[in-house]
Protein backbone atom coordinates (compact mmCIF):
# COMPACT_ATOMS: atom_id res chain seq x y z
CA MET A 1 163.96 160.74 92.07
CA LEU A 2 167.87 162.23 92.62
CA GLY A 3 169.52 161.38 96.36
CA SER A 4 172.67 162.26 98.03
CA ASN A 5 174.34 162.30 101.59
CA THR A 6 177.77 163.00 100.93
CA GLU A 7 178.61 166.60 99.84
CA ALA A 8 174.79 166.37 98.86
CA THR A 9 174.60 169.62 97.50
CA ILE A 10 177.72 169.65 95.30
CA ASN A 11 176.64 166.11 93.47
CA MET A 12 173.03 166.97 92.94
CA GLU A 13 173.95 170.46 91.41
CA LEU A 14 176.19 168.23 89.24
CA ALA A 15 174.22 165.80 89.04
CA ILE A 16 171.15 167.99 87.65
CA ASP A 17 173.59 169.89 85.17
CA LYS A 18 175.01 166.13 83.81
CA LEU A 19 171.16 165.59 82.97
CA VAL A 20 170.06 169.00 81.48
CA ASP A 21 173.37 167.83 79.37
CA CYS A 22 171.40 164.76 77.87
CA TYR A 23 167.51 165.80 78.56
CA GLU A 24 165.36 169.02 79.13
CA ILE A 25 164.04 169.17 82.78
CA THR A 26 160.36 170.71 82.91
CA GLY A 27 159.63 170.06 86.76
CA LYS A 28 161.58 169.50 90.46
CA SER A 29 160.42 169.38 93.48
CA PHE A 30 161.55 170.96 96.88
CA PRO A 31 164.62 169.80 98.41
CA VAL A 32 163.71 167.01 101.77
CA ILE A 33 166.22 165.97 103.93
CA THR A 34 165.49 162.88 105.27
CA GLU A 35 167.07 160.40 107.92
CA PRO A 36 169.11 157.27 106.96
CA ILE A 37 167.95 154.22 106.03
CA GLY A 38 169.80 151.47 107.53
CA ALA A 39 172.60 151.02 110.03
CA LEU A 40 175.76 151.54 107.64
CA CYS A 41 174.03 154.93 106.26
CA PHE A 42 175.44 157.95 108.76
CA PRO A 43 174.99 161.33 107.24
CA ASP A 44 171.21 162.40 106.39
CA PHE A 45 169.97 162.38 102.97
CA HIS A 46 168.98 165.25 100.86
CA ASN A 47 166.53 164.61 97.72
CA VAL A 48 164.77 166.06 95.24
CA ALA A 49 162.56 164.93 92.24
CA ILE A 50 163.07 165.67 88.87
CA LYS A 51 161.10 165.70 85.43
CA LEU A 52 162.46 164.83 82.36
CA LEU A 53 161.52 164.89 78.83
CA ILE A 54 163.39 162.05 77.61
CA THR A 55 163.13 161.15 73.66
CA GLU A 56 165.63 157.59 74.37
CA SER A 57 164.40 154.16 75.19
CA PHE A 58 163.69 153.18 78.98
CA GLU A 59 167.30 150.90 78.92
CA ASP A 60 169.26 153.42 77.33
CA THR A 61 168.09 156.15 80.18
CA LYS A 62 168.67 153.71 82.76
CA ALA A 63 172.21 153.24 81.48
CA ALA A 64 172.63 156.46 81.29
CA PHE A 65 171.90 157.45 84.67
CA LYS A 66 173.90 154.71 85.54
CA GLN A 67 176.63 156.35 83.56
CA ILE A 68 176.19 160.19 85.75
CA GLU A 69 175.89 158.30 88.83
CA LYS A 70 179.24 156.70 88.32
CA LEU A 71 181.27 159.86 86.34
CA ILE A 72 180.17 162.16 90.21
CA GLY A 73 181.42 158.80 92.40
CA ARG A 74 179.16 156.21 92.79
CA LYS A 75 180.96 152.92 93.42
CA PRO A 76 179.48 149.40 93.94
CA GLU A 77 180.20 148.93 97.47
CA SER A 78 178.52 152.27 98.29
CA LYS A 79 175.35 150.75 99.58
CA ILE A 80 177.57 148.85 101.97
CA THR A 81 179.44 151.61 103.11
CA GLY A 82 176.84 154.09 103.68
CA ILE A 83 178.61 156.91 101.60
CA ILE A 84 175.72 157.58 98.75
CA PRO A 85 177.65 160.55 95.93
CA ILE A 86 174.49 160.40 94.41
CA ASP A 87 171.91 157.47 93.57
CA ILE A 88 169.24 158.25 90.98
CA ASP A 89 166.17 156.35 90.19
CA LEU A 90 163.36 156.21 87.49
CA ILE A 91 160.38 156.38 89.66
CA PHE A 92 158.12 156.86 86.63
CA TRP A 93 158.04 156.31 82.40
CA ASN A 94 155.53 157.53 80.94
CA ASP A 95 153.08 157.57 83.78
CA ILE A 96 153.95 153.86 84.87
CA LEU A 97 155.22 152.87 88.01
CA VAL A 98 158.89 151.88 87.68
CA HIS A 99 160.27 151.65 90.81
CA GLU A 100 158.72 150.66 94.17
CA ASP A 101 160.17 153.44 96.29
CA TYR A 102 157.23 155.33 95.16
CA ASN A 103 155.02 152.79 97.08
CA ARG A 104 157.44 152.32 100.10
CA TYR A 105 158.54 156.19 101.27
CA GLU A 106 156.18 158.94 101.84
CA TYR A 107 159.16 161.08 100.83
CA VAL A 108 159.35 160.27 97.35
CA ARG A 109 155.48 159.68 96.66
CA ASN A 110 155.35 163.70 98.09
CA CYS A 111 158.21 164.81 96.00
CA VAL A 112 157.33 163.00 92.51
CA ASN A 113 153.11 163.90 93.49
CA GLU A 114 155.17 167.60 93.63
CA ILE A 115 155.80 167.08 89.96
CA ARG A 116 153.43 164.95 88.27
């Protein structure tokens, strides 16, 4: 699941380009714009689910996602400031739920179900 509330179009495209360098994209949901959750998140979020064909381990994949986030400008204080250049969350791994946002947020469920 990808999300951004800062230069969202550019940052989402950049994240997808970086992911394509490492993985094969086999599905992409329609984008969804959501209101921020939490008092410090000001701009609306742009969100999209993508389905990837991955040959590396779960841990290596999560590390690669974090590296892409950093390359695009994600910082440790991003959640505090409410400015999120990019957020990349792994929701399912081999059909096993690994991130509770799927159950927590309807938009995540809708986007992910669209490509499952």
